[in-house]
Every structure is written in C-alpha cells, then in structure tokens.
C-alpha cells in the first residue's frame, strides 16, 4: 500500500462533520446590556445578557446564574 493510499483510506474512514452534533456553547462571552444609556455600568440595572459566542440572549436572572456558574467552575490556584 502506497503512501497516498494510506492517506486516502484514512479520509474515507473518518467521520464527517455532518454526522456530529453541533457543539454546545459554554456562554463564556456574556456581555451585559442596558435599556437606557444612563443605566450603563450599573449591574443592578442590567436588562439582559448577550452571548457573543452563539448570539443567544438571556434575561438578567439567567445571565447572572450563568456568570455565577462560570465563576464557580474556574480553577483556583
């Protein structure tokens, strides 16, 4: 078996990306959003959170919960 045959055989045996489910976003890029410009920067007045990774929008409560979970899962040295 030649070198080219080995490479082409591996490609045939490997799974295609169409067979794999899409990866789930960990929502590590959450950005707070405010309805009013004057409220910007005030954590208690956040209207919702936006994930820059998957473009999902979360309520303030959901975003705060996700942020807490991410913070608790960070390794502490």
PDB file of N, CA and C in Angstrom:
ATOM      1  N   UNK A   1       0.851  -1.169   0.000  1.00  0.00           N
ATOM      2  CA  UNK A   1       0.000   0.000   0.000  1.00  0.00           C
ATOM      3  C   UNK A   1       0.899   1.234   0.000  1.00  0.00           C
ATOM      4  N   UNK A   2       0.633   2.131  -0.931  1.00  0.00           N
ATOM      5  CA  UNK A   2       1.433   3.330  -1.051  1.00  0.00           C
ATOM      6  C   UNK A   2       1.040   4.396  -0.046  1.00  0.00           C
ATOM      7  N   UNK A   3       1.855   5.392   0.035  1.00  0.00           N
ATOM      8  CA  UNK A   3       1.621   6.484   0.974  1.00  0.00           C
ATOM      9  C   UNK A   3       0.313   7.212   0.659  1.00  0.00           C
ATOM     10  N   UNK A   4       0.058   7.442  -0.612  1.00  0.00           N
ATOM     11  CA  UNK A   4      -1.179   8.118  -0.998  1.00  0.00           C
ATOM     12  C   UNK A   4      -2.400   7.294  -0.609  1.00  0.00           C
ATOM     13  N   UNK A   5      -2.318   5.976  -0.794  1.00  0.00           N
ATOM     14  CA  UNK A   5      -3.432   5.098  -0.445  1.00  0.00           C
ATOM     15  C   UNK A   5      -3.733   5.156   1.053  1.00  0.00           C
ATOM     16  N   UNK A   6      -2.692   5.245   1.853  1.00  0.00           N
ATOM     17  CA  UNK A   6      -2.899   5.316   3.304  1.00  0.00           C
ATOM     18  C   UNK A   6      -3.661   6.580   3.693  1.00  0.00           C
ATOM     19  N   UNK A   7      -3.257   7.709   3.110  1.00  0.00           N
ATOM     20  CA  UNK A   7      -3.934   8.965   3.436  1.00  0.00           C
ATOM     21  C   UNK A   7      -5.367   8.975   2.940  1.00  0.00           C
ATOM     22  N   UNK A   8      -5.603   8.477   1.745  1.00  0.00           N
ATOM     23  CA  UNK A   8      -6.966   8.491   1.223  1.00  0.00           C
ATOM     24  C   UNK A   8      -7.860   7.517   1.987  1.00  0.00           C
ATOM     25  N   UNK A   9      -7.325   6.424   2.475  1.00  0.00           N
ATOM     26  CA  UNK A   9      -8.113   5.470   3.244  1.00  0.00           C
ATOM     27  C   UNK A   9      -8.534   6.070   4.583  1.00  0.00           C
ATOM     28  N   UNK A  10      -7.645   6.813   5.218  1.00  0.00           N
ATOM     29  CA  UNK A  10      -7.986   7.458   6.494  1.00  0.00           C
ATOM     30  C   UNK A  10      -9.111   8.461   6.314  1.00  0.00           C
ATOM     31  N   UNK A  11      -9.094   9.180   5.215  1.00  0.00           N
ATOM     32  CA  UNK A  11     -10.156  10.155   4.978  1.00  0.00           C
ATOM     33  C   UNK A  11     -11.497   9.468   4.798  1.00  0.00           C
ATOM     34  N   UNK A  12     -11.505   8.322   4.158  1.00  0.00           N
ATOM     35  CA  UNK A  12     -12.751   7.595   3.951  1.00  0.00           C
ATOM     36  C   UNK A  12     -13.298   7.049   5.262  1.00  0.00           C
ATOM     37  N   UNK A  13     -12.424   6.623   6.160  1.00  0.00           N
ATOM     38  CA  UNK A  13     -12.855   6.018   7.409  1.00  0.00           C
ATOM     39  C   UNK A  13     -13.273   7.046   8.456  1.00  0.00           C
ATOM     40  N   UNK A  14     -12.762   8.263   8.349  1.00  0.00           N
ATOM     41  CA  UNK A  14     -13.086   9.269   9.365  1.00  0.00           C
ATOM     42  C   UNK A  14     -14.528   9.727   9.214  1.00  0.00           C
ATOM     43  N   UNK A  15     -15.110  10.151  10.330  1.00  0.00           N
ATOM     44  CA  UNK A  15     -16.488  10.623  10.303  1.00  0.00           C
ATOM     45  C   UNK A  15     -16.531  12.023   9.723  1.00  0.00           C
ATOM     46  N   UNK A  16     -17.590  12.337   9.063  1.00  0.00           N
ATOM     47  CA  UNK A  16     -17.750  13.673   8.514  1.00  0.00           C
ATOM     48  C   UNK A  16     -18.332  14.586   9.581  1.00  0.00           C
ATOM     49  N   UNK A  17     -18.164  15.869   9.371  1.00  0.00           N
ATOM     50  CA  UNK A  17     -18.695  16.825  10.347  1.00  0.00           C
ATOM     51  C   UNK A  17     -20.213  16.881  10.301  1.00  0.00           C
ATOM     52  N   UNK A  18     -20.807  16.391   9.216  1.00  0.00           N
ATOM     53  CA  UNK A  18     -22.265  16.386   9.123  1.00  0.00           C
ATOM     54  C   UNK A  18     -22.869  15.385  10.103  1.00  0.00           C
ATOM     55  N   UNK A  19     -22.125  14.333  10.454  1.00  0.00           N
ATOM     56  CA  UNK A  19     -22.620  13.313  11.366  1.00  0.00           C
ATOM     57  C   UNK A  19     -22.566  13.756  12.826  1.00  0.00           C
ATOM     58  N   UNK A  20     -21.727  14.727  13.141  1.00  0.00           N
ATOM     59  CA  UNK A  20     -21.529  15.156  14.518  1.00  0.00           C
ATOM     60  C   UNK A  20     -22.533  16.240  14.889  1.00  0.00           C
ATOM     61  N   UNK A  21     -23.057  16.205  16.115  1.00  0.00           N
ATOM     62  CA  UNK A  21     -23.961  17.276  16.542  1.00  0.00           C
ATOM     63  C   UNK A  21     -23.163  18.567  16.755  1.00  0.00           C
ATOM     64  N   UNK A  22     -23.790  19.711  16.577  1.00  0.00           N
ATOM     65  CA  UNK A  22     -23.066  20.965  16.795  1.00  0.00           C
ATOM     66  C   UNK A  22     -22.655  21.092  18.260  1.00  0.00           C
ATOM     67  N   UNK A  23     -21.474  21.649  18.525  1.00  0.00           N
ATOM     68  CA  UNK A  23     -21.040  21.792  19.920  1.00  0.00           C
ATOM     69  C   UNK A  23     -21.918  22.783  20.666  1.00  0.00           C
ATOM     70  N   UNK A  24     -22.099  22.527  21.949  1.00  0.00           N
ATOM     71  CA  UNK A  24     -22.921  23.406  22.774  1.00  0.00           C
ATOM     72  C   UNK A  24     -22.055  24.559  23.279  1.00  0.00           C
ATOM     73  N   UNK A  25     -22.571  25.753  23.203  1.00  0.00           N
ATOM     74  CA  UNK A  25     -21.829  26.944  23.620  1.00  0.00           C
ATOM     75  C   UNK A  25     -21.754  27.002  25.150  1.00  0.00           C
ATOM     76  N   UNK A  26     -20.555  27.240  25.703  1.00  0.00           N
ATOM     77  CA  UNK A  26     -20.434  27.352  27.163  1.00  0.00           C
ATOM     78  C   UNK A  26     -20.828  28.740  27.695  1.00  0.00           C
ATOM     79  N   UNK A  27     -21.156  29.674  26.792  1.00  0.00           N
ATOM     80  CA  UNK A  27     -21.576  31.039  27.150  1.00  0.00           C
ATOM     81  C   UNK A  27     -20.527  31.755  28.008  1.00  0.00           C
ATOM     82  N   UNK A  28     -19.268  31.631  27.611  1.00  0.00           N
ATOM     83  CA  UNK A  28     -18.195  32.296  28.352  1.00  0.00           C
ATOM     84  C   UNK A  28     -17.992  33.741  27.915  1.00  0.00           C
ATOM     85  N   UNK A  29     -18.703  34.165  26.882  1.00  0.00           N
ATOM     86  CA  UNK A  29     -18.555  35.537  26.389  1.00  0.00           C
ATOM     87  C   UNK A  29     -19.849  36.324  26.595  1.00  0.00           C
ATOM     88  N   UNK A  30     -20.375  36.287  27.817  1.00  0.00           N
ATOM     89  CA  UNK A  30     -21.607  37.024  28.118  1.00  0.00           C
ATOM     90  C   UNK A  30     -21.309  38.509  28.305  1.00  0.00           C
ATOM     91  N   UNK A  31     -22.133  39.330  27.686  1.00  0.00           N
ATOM     92  CA  UNK A  31     -21.970  40.778  27.764  1.00  0.00           C
ATOM     93  C   UNK A  31     -23.263  41.373  28.301  1.00  0.00           C
ATOM     94  N   UNK A  32     -23.190  42.186  29.343  1.00  0.00           N
ATOM     95  CA  UNK A  32     -24.413  42.812  29.862  1.00  0.00           C
ATOM     96  C   UNK A  32     -24.925  43.889  28.908  1.00  0.00           C
ATOM     97  N   UNK A  33     -26.243  44.040  28.854  1.00  0.00           N
ATOM     98  CA  UNK A  33     -26.873  45.068  28.019  1.00  0.00           C
ATOM     99  C   UNK A  33     -27.866  45.845  28.874  1.00  0.00           C
ATOM    100  N   UNK A  34     -27.972  47.134  28.592  1.00  0.00           N
ATOM    101  CA  UNK A  34     -28.880  48.003  29.320  1.00  0.00           C
ATOM    102  C   UNK A  34     -29.869  48.634  28.357  1.00  0.00           C
ATOM    103  N   UNK A  35     -31.080  48.918  28.849  1.00  0.00           N
ATOM    104  CA  UNK A  35     -32.092  49.563  28.016  1.00  0.00           C
ATOM    105  C   UNK A  35     -31.846  51.067  27.905  1.00  0.00           C
ATOM    106  N   UNK A  36     -31.354  51.677  28.953  1.00  0.00           N
ATOM    107  CA  UNK A  36     -31.129  53.121  28.977  1.00  0.00           C
ATOM    108  C   UNK A  36     -29.632  53.430  29.033  1.00  0.00           C
ATOM    109  N   UNK A  37     -29.212  54.411  28.313  1.00  0.00           N
ATOM    110  CA  UNK A  37     -27.804  54.802  28.292  1.00  0.00           C
ATOM    111  C   UNK A  37     -27.331  55.244  29.676  1.00  0.00           C
ATOM    112  N   UNK A  38     -28.184  55.915  30.424  1.00  0.00           N
ATOM    113  CA  UNK A  38     -27.825  56.386  31.766  1.00  0.00           C
ATOM    114  C   UNK A  38     -27.601  55.235  32.745  1.00  0.00           C
ATOM    115  N   UNK A  39     -28.184  54.066  32.463  1.00  0.00           N
ATOM    116  CA  UNK A  39     -28.046  52.902  33.347  1.00  0.00           C
ATOM    117  C   UNK A  39     -26.754  52.126  33.107  1.00  0.00           C
ATOM    118  N   UNK A  40     -26.056  52.429  32.024  1.00  0.00           N
ATOM    119  CA  UNK A  40     -24.879  51.668  31.632  1.00  0.00           C
ATOM    120  C   UNK A  40     -23.826  51.639  32.738  1.00  0.00           C
ATOM    121  N   UNK A  41     -23.343  50.446  33.036  1.00  0.00           N
ATOM    122  CA  UNK A  41     -22.334  50.258  34.068  1.00  0.00           C
ATOM    123  C   UNK A  41     -22.899  49.919  35.433  1.00  0.00           C
ATOM    124  N   UNK A  42     -24.197  50.055  35.603  1.00  0.00           N
ATOM    125  CA  UNK A  42     -24.839  49.743  36.882  1.00  0.00           C
ATOM    126  C   UNK A  42     -25.365  48.308  36.822  1.00  0.00           C
ATOM    127  N   UNK A  43     -24.712  47.411  37.566  1.00  0.00           N
ATOM    128  CA  UNK A  43     -25.036  45.988  37.495  1.00  0.00           C
ATOM    129  C   UNK A  43     -26.472  45.682  37.903  1.00  0.00           C
ATOM    130  N   UNK A  44     -27.033  46.460  38.803  1.00  0.00           N
ATOM    131  CA  UNK A  44     -28.401  46.189  39.246  1.00  0.00           C
ATOM    132  C   UNK A  44     -29.447  46.624  38.216  1.00  0.00           C
ATOM    133  N   UNK A  45     -29.038  47.335  37.175  1.00  0.00           N
ATOM    134  CA  UNK A  45     -29.966  47.798  36.144  1.00  0.00           C
ATOM    135  C   UNK A  45     -29.753  47.114  34.789  1.00  0.00           C
ATOM    136  N   UNK A  46     -29.005  46.009  34.758  1.00  0.00           N
ATOM    137  CA  UNK A  46     -28.800  45.257  33.517  1.00  0.00           C
ATOM    138  C   UNK A  46     -30.150  44.723  33.057  1.00  0.00           C
ATOM    139  N   UNK A  47     -30.476  44.923  31.781  1.00  0.00           N
ATOM    140  CA  UNK A  47     -31.766  44.436  31.272  1.00  0.00           C
ATOM    141  C   UNK A  47     -31.662  43.004  30.760  1.00  0.00           C
ATOM    142  N   UNK A  48     -30.558  42.656  30.114  1.00  0.00           N
ATOM    143  CA  UNK A  48     -30.349  41.293  29.634  1.00  0.00           C
ATOM    144  C   UNK A  48     -28.869  41.074  29.338  1.00  0.00           C
ATOM    145  N   UNK A  49     -28.522  39.829  29.060  1.00  0.00           N
ATOM    146  CA  UNK A  49     -27.144  39.456  28.698  1.00  0.00           C
ATOM    147  C   UNK A  49     -27.145  38.883  27.292  1.00  0.00           C
ATOM    148  N   UNK A  50     -26.074  39.158  26.554  1.00  0.00           N
ATOM    149  CA  UNK A  50     -25.905  38.685  25.186  1.00  0.00           C
ATOM    150  C   UNK A  50     -24.638  37.847  25.113  1.00  0.00           C
ATOM    151  N   UNK A  51     -24.737  36.640  24.547  1.00  0.00           N
ATOM    152  CA  UNK A  51     -23.572  35.782  24.380  1.00  0.00           C
ATOM    153  C   UNK A  51     -22.972  36.044  23.000  1.00  0.00           C
ATOM    154  N   UNK A  52     -21.739  36.531  22.976  1.00  0.00           N
ATOM    155  CA  UNK A  52     -21.075  36.807  21.713  1.00  0.00           C
ATOM    156  C   UNK A  52     -20.644  35.528  20.993  1.00  0.00           C
ATOM    157  N   UNK A  53     -20.617  34.405  21.705  1.00  0.00           N
ATOM    158  CA  UNK A  53     -20.209  33.146  21.096  1.00  0.00           C
ATOM    159  C   UNK A  53     -21.283  32.525  20.230  1.00  0.00           C
ATOM    160  N   UNK A  54     -22.541  32.569  20.698  1.00  0.00           N
ATOM    161  CA  UNK A  54     -23.626  31.902  19.969  1.00  0.00           C
ATOM    162  C   UNK A  54     -24.787  32.835  19.637  1.00  0.00           C
ATOM    163  N   UNK A  55     -24.665  34.105  19.995  1.00  0.00           N
ATOM    164  CA  UNK A  55     -25.689  35.126  19.725  1.00  0.00           C
ATOM    165  C   UNK A  55     -26.998  34.897  20.475  1.00  0.00           C
ATOM    166  N   UNK A  56     -26.949  34.177  21.583  1.00  0.00           N
ATOM    167  CA  UNK A  56     -28.141  33.966  22.404  1.00  0.00           C
ATOM    168  C   UNK A  56     -28.333  35.140  23.354  1.00  0.00           C
ATOM    169  N   UNK A  57     -29.578  35.399  23.704  1.00  0.00           N
ATOM    170  CA  UNK A  57     -29.921  36.450  24.654  1.00  0.00           C
ATOM    171  C   UNK A  57     -30.527  35.802  25.892  1.00  0.00           C
ATOM    172  N   UNK A  58     -30.122  36.292  27.071  1.00  0.00           N
ATOM    173  CA  UNK A  58     -30.591  35.743  28.339  1.00  0.00           C
ATOM    174  C   UNK A  58     -31.162  36.862  29.189  1.00  0.00           C
ATOM    175  N   UNK A  59     -32.150  36.523  30.002  1.00  0.00           N
ATOM    176  CA  UNK A  59     -32.679  37.501  30.950  1.00  0.00           C
ATOM    177  C   UNK A  59     -31.599  37.832  31.973  1.00  0.00           C
ATOM    178  N   UNK A  60     -31.840  38.863  32.736  1.00  0.00           N
ATOM    179  CA  UNK A  60     -30.857  39.247  33.750  1.00  0.00           C
ATOM    180  C   UNK A  60     -30.611  38.115  34.738  1.00  0.00           C
ATOM    181  N   UNK A  61     -31.677  37.449  35.158  1.00  0.00           N
ATOM    182  CA  UNK A  61     -31.547  36.363  36.125  1.00  0.00           C
ATOM    183  C   UNK A  61     -30.766  35.188  35.531  1.00  0.00           C
ATOM    184  N   UNK A  62     -31.084  34.826  34.286  1.00  0.00           N
ATOM    185  CA  UNK A  62     -30.368  33.727  33.635  1.00  0.00           C
ATOM    186  C   UNK A  62     -28.889  34.067  33.441  1.00  0.00           C
ATOM    187  N   UNK A  63     -28.626  35.283  33.009  1.00  0.00           N
ATOM    188  CA  UNK A  63     -27.243  35.711  32.793  1.00  0.00           C
ATOM    189  C   UNK A  63     -26.438  35.711  34.077  1.00  0.00           C
ATOM    190  N   UNK A  64     -27.045  36.189  35.158  1.00  0.00           N
ATOM    191  CA  UNK A  64     -26.349  36.193  36.453  1.00  0.00           C
ATOM    192  C   UNK A  64     -26.086  34.775  36.936  1.00  0.00           C
ATOM    193  N   UNK A  65     -27.036  33.868  36.704  1.00  0.00           N
ATOM    194  CA  UNK A  65     -26.848  32.464  37.092  1.00  0.00           C
ATOM    195  C   UNK A  65     -25.707  31.835  36.298  1.00  0.00           C
ATOM    196  N   UNK A  66     -25.677  32.081  34.994  1.00  0.00           N
ATOM    197  CA  UNK A  66     -24.607  31.533  34.150  1.00  0.00           C
ATOM    198  C   UNK A  66     -23.254  32.099  34.586  1.00  0.00           C
ATOM    199  N   UNK A  67     -23.201  33.386  34.874  1.00  0.00           N
ATOM    200  CA  UNK A  67     -21.949  34.013  35.310  1.00  0.00           C
ATOM    201  C   UNK A  67     -21.474  33.412  36.637  1.00  0.00           C
ATOM    202  N   UNK A  68     -22.407  33.167  37.571  1.00  0.00           N
ATOM    203  CA  UNK A  68     -22.035  32.542  38.847  1.00  0.00           C
ATOM    204  C   UNK A  68     -21.477  31.147  38.633  1.00  0.00           C
ATOM    205  N   UNK A  69     -22.152  30.367  37.765  1.00  0.00           N
ATOM    206  CA  UNK A  69     -21.694  29.004  37.485  1.00  0.00           C
ATOM    207  C   UNK A  69     -20.305  29.015  36.849  1.00  0.00           C
ATOM    208  N   UNK A  70     -20.073  29.941  35.933  1.00  0.00           N
ATOM    209  CA  UNK A  70     -18.755  30.037  35.303  1.00  0.00           C
ATOM    210  C   UNK A  70     -17.691  30.416  36.325  1.00  0.00           C
ATOM    211  N   UNK A  71     -18.036  31.348  37.204  1.00  0.00           N
ATOM    212  CA  UNK A  71     -17.093  31.785  38.224  1.00  0.00           C
ATOM    213  C   UNK A  71     -16.758  30.642  39.184  1.00  0.00           C
ATOM    214  N   UNK A  72     -17.755  29.844  39.557  1.00  0.00           N
ATOM    215  CA  UNK A  72     -17.536  28.736  40.471  1.00  0.00           C
ATOM    216  C   UNK A  72     -16.724  27.603  39.838  1.00  0.00           C
ATOM    217  N   UNK A  73     -16.757  27.494  38.505  1.00  0.00           N
ATOM    218  CA  UNK A  73     -16.039  26.430  37.820  1.00  0.00           C
ATOM    219  C   UNK A  73     -14.605  26.813  37.437  1.00  0.00           C
ATOM    220  N   UNK A  74     -14.210  28.050  37.698  1.00  0.00           N
ATOM    221  CA  UNK A  74     -12.840  28.454  37.389  1.00  0.00           C
ATOM    222  C   UNK A  74     -11.875  27.795  38.357  1.00  0.00           C
ATOM    223  N   UNK A  75     -10.754  27.302  37.845  1.00  0.00           N
ATOM    224  CA  UNK A  75      -9.771  26.686  38.753  1.00  0.00           C
ATOM    225  C   UNK A  75      -9.070  27.771  39.580  1.00  0.00           C
ATOM    226  N   UNK A  76      -8.950  27.515  40.838  1.00  0.00           N
ATOM    227  CA  UNK A  76      -8.270  28.454  41.740  1.00  0.00           C
ATOM    228  C   UNK A  76      -6.911  27.867  42.119  1.00  0.00           C
ATOM    229  N   UNK A  77      -5.868  28.609  41.893  1.00  0.00           N
ATOM    230  CA  UNK A  77      -4.502  28.140  42.219  1.00  0.00           C
ATOM    231  C   UNK A  77      -4.050  28.688  43.532  1.00  0.00           C
TER     232      UNK A  77
END
